[in-house]
Amino acid sequence: YSHEIVQVDILSELTPEDKKFEGAILVYNAAEDRVKPTQICELKLNNTPYELRGWCQSESEWSRLRMDVHGGCIPTPPDIF
């Protein structure tokens, strides 16, 4: 996140139905403690809103440290985060 040329694209919405495809992607499997190909149709929807997911919040904050600020989107001060 700190390199001058890094561009961060935040995808906060689900993939539209007409853009989805069948097949497999690599996913971490906790039961097997490894990354393995998993059929897309076997994945479960994460119902937690994007902005409330801890890792997503962190990545968004880190990306704001380098990106141009548009519309008042600035990093949250540490005492509030």
C-alpha atoms as a PDB file:
ATOM      1  CA  TYR A   1       0.000   0.000   0.000  1.00  0.00           C
ATOM      2  CA  SER A   2       2.923   2.368   0.419  1.00  0.00           C
ATOM      3  CA  HIS A   3       4.518   2.285  -3.053  1.00  0.00           C
ATOM      4  CA  GLU A   4       4.023   5.302  -5.308  1.00  0.00           C
ATOM      5  CA  ILE A   5       2.643   3.191  -8.169  1.00  0.00           C
ATOM      6  CA  VAL A   6       0.252   0.974  -6.199  1.00  0.00           C
ATOM      7  CA  GLN A   7      -3.370   1.405  -7.222  1.00  0.00           C
ATOM      8  CA  VAL A   8      -6.033   0.025  -4.885  1.00  0.00           C
ATOM      9  CA  ASP A   9      -9.459  -0.821  -6.290  1.00  0.00           C
ATOM     10  CA  ILE A  10     -12.067  -1.407  -3.590  1.00  0.00           C
ATOM     11  CA  LEU A  11     -14.824  -3.736  -4.753  1.00  0.00           C
ATOM     12  CA  SER A  12     -17.553  -3.344  -2.155  1.00  0.00           C
ATOM     13  CA  GLU A  13     -20.491  -4.800  -4.080  1.00  0.00           C
ATOM     14  CA  LEU A  14     -21.349  -8.341  -5.129  1.00  0.00           C
ATOM     15  CA  THR A  15     -20.664  -9.526  -8.663  1.00  0.00           C
ATOM     16  CA  PRO A  16     -23.737  -8.991 -10.870  1.00  0.00           C
ATOM     17  CA  GLU A  17     -25.419 -12.250 -11.876  1.00  0.00           C
ATOM     18  CA  ASP A  18     -24.677 -11.707 -15.584  1.00  0.00           C
ATOM     19  CA  LYS A  19     -20.925 -11.473 -14.833  1.00  0.00           C
ATOM     20  CA  LYS A  20     -20.664 -14.662 -12.758  1.00  0.00           C
ATOM     21  CA  PHE A  21     -19.188 -17.819 -14.246  1.00  0.00           C
ATOM     22  CA  GLU A  22     -18.956 -21.456 -13.291  1.00  0.00           C
ATOM     23  CA  GLY A  23     -15.666 -22.997 -12.374  1.00  0.00           C
ATOM     24  CA  ALA A  24     -13.250 -23.125  -9.478  1.00  0.00           C
ATOM     25  CA  ILE A  25     -11.062 -20.604  -7.686  1.00  0.00           C
ATOM     26  CA  LEU A  26      -8.364 -21.023  -5.044  1.00  0.00           C
ATOM     27  CA  VAL A  27      -9.795 -20.668  -1.526  1.00  0.00           C
ATOM     28  CA  TYR A  28      -8.316 -21.319   1.917  1.00  0.00           C
ATOM     29  CA  ASN A  29      -9.961 -24.366   3.498  1.00  0.00           C
ATOM     30  CA  ALA A  30      -9.700 -24.145   7.312  1.00  0.00           C
ATOM     31  CA  ALA A  31     -10.665 -27.806   7.854  1.00  0.00           C
ATOM     32  CA  GLU A  32      -7.734 -28.943   5.675  1.00  0.00           C
ATOM     33  CA  ASP A  33      -5.457 -26.002   6.587  1.00  0.00           C
ATOM     34  CA  ARG A  34      -4.573 -25.372   2.956  1.00  0.00           C
ATOM     35  CA  VAL A  35      -5.522 -23.419  -0.137  1.00  0.00           C
ATOM     36  CA  LYS A  36      -7.365 -25.585  -2.645  1.00  0.00           C
ATOM     37  CA  PRO A  37      -9.527 -25.248  -5.769  1.00  0.00           C
ATOM     38  CA  THR A  38     -13.160 -24.765  -4.779  1.00  0.00           C
ATOM     39  CA  GLN A  39     -16.207 -24.660  -7.027  1.00  0.00           C
ATOM     40  CA  ILE A  40     -17.692 -21.165  -7.082  1.00  0.00           C
ATOM     41  CA  CYS A  41     -21.183 -22.599  -6.514  1.00  0.00           C
ATOM     42  CA  GLU A  42     -19.939 -24.074  -3.175  1.00  0.00           C
ATOM     43  CA  LEU A  43     -18.958 -20.682  -1.735  1.00  0.00           C
ATOM     44  CA  LYS A  44     -21.158 -19.128   0.944  1.00  0.00           C
ATOM     45  CA  LEU A  45     -22.282 -15.501   0.897  1.00  0.00           C
ATOM     46  CA  ASN A  46     -20.733 -13.306   3.569  1.00  0.00           C
ATOM     47  CA  ASN A  47     -23.697 -11.256   4.813  1.00  0.00           C
ATOM     48  CA  THR A  48     -21.549  -8.871   6.863  1.00  0.00           C
ATOM     49  CA  PRO A  49     -21.639  -5.435   5.180  1.00  0.00           C
ATOM     50  CA  TYR A  50     -18.309  -4.651   3.503  1.00  0.00           C
ATOM     51  CA  GLU A  51     -17.636  -1.586   5.641  1.00  0.00           C
ATOM     52  CA  LEU A  52     -18.060  -3.650   8.851  1.00  0.00           C
ATOM     53  CA  ARG A  53     -15.576  -6.392   7.928  1.00  0.00           C
ATOM     54  CA  GLY A  54     -12.367  -5.911   9.934  1.00  0.00           C
ATOM     55  CA  TRP A  55      -9.895  -6.807   7.188  1.00  0.00           C
ATOM     56  CA  CYS A  56     -11.775  -4.725   4.628  1.00  0.00           C
ATOM     57  CA  GLN A  57     -11.744  -1.750   7.010  1.00  0.00           C
ATOM     58  CA  SER A  58      -7.982  -2.130   7.478  1.00  0.00           C
ATOM     59  CA  GLU A  59      -7.250  -2.360   3.761  1.00  0.00           C
ATOM     60  CA  SER A  60      -9.473   0.638   3.047  1.00  0.00           C
ATOM     61  CA  GLU A  61      -7.693   2.697   5.692  1.00  0.00           C
ATOM     62  CA  TRP A  62      -4.240   1.665   4.452  1.00  0.00           C
ATOM     63  CA  SER A  63      -5.131   2.507   0.865  1.00  0.00           C
ATOM     64  CA  ARG A  64      -6.293   5.979   1.918  1.00  0.00           C
ATOM     65  CA  LEU A  65      -2.815   6.747   3.201  1.00  0.00           C
ATOM     66  CA  ARG A  66      -1.536   6.999  -0.395  1.00  0.00           C
ATOM     67  CA  MET A  67      -4.522   7.720  -2.596  1.00  0.00           C
ATOM     68  CA  ASP A  68      -5.816  11.069  -3.761  1.00  0.00           C
ATOM     69  CA  VAL A  69      -8.602  12.141  -1.457  1.00  0.00           C
ATOM     70  CA  HIS A  70     -11.914  12.580  -3.297  1.00  0.00           C
ATOM     71  CA  GLY A  71     -15.152  13.464  -1.560  1.00  0.00           C
ATOM     72  CA  GLY A  72     -13.624  13.751   1.888  1.00  0.00           C
ATOM     73  CA  CYS A  73     -12.460  10.140   2.085  1.00  0.00           C
ATOM     74  CA  ILE A  74      -9.515  10.332   4.481  1.00  0.00           C
ATOM     75  CA  PRO A  75      -7.970   7.814   6.888  1.00  0.00           C
ATOM     76  CA  THR A  76      -9.673   7.491  10.260  1.00  0.00           C
ATOM     77  CA  PRO A  77      -7.572   8.897  13.117  1.00  0.00           C
ATOM     78  CA  PRO A  78      -6.119   6.118  15.335  1.00  0.00           C
ATOM     79  CA  ASP A  79      -8.060   7.197  18.432  1.00  0.00           C
ATOM     80  CA  ILE A  80     -11.348   6.756  16.517  1.00  0.00           C
ATOM     81  CA  PHE A  81     -10.421   3.639  14.493  1.00  0.00           C
END
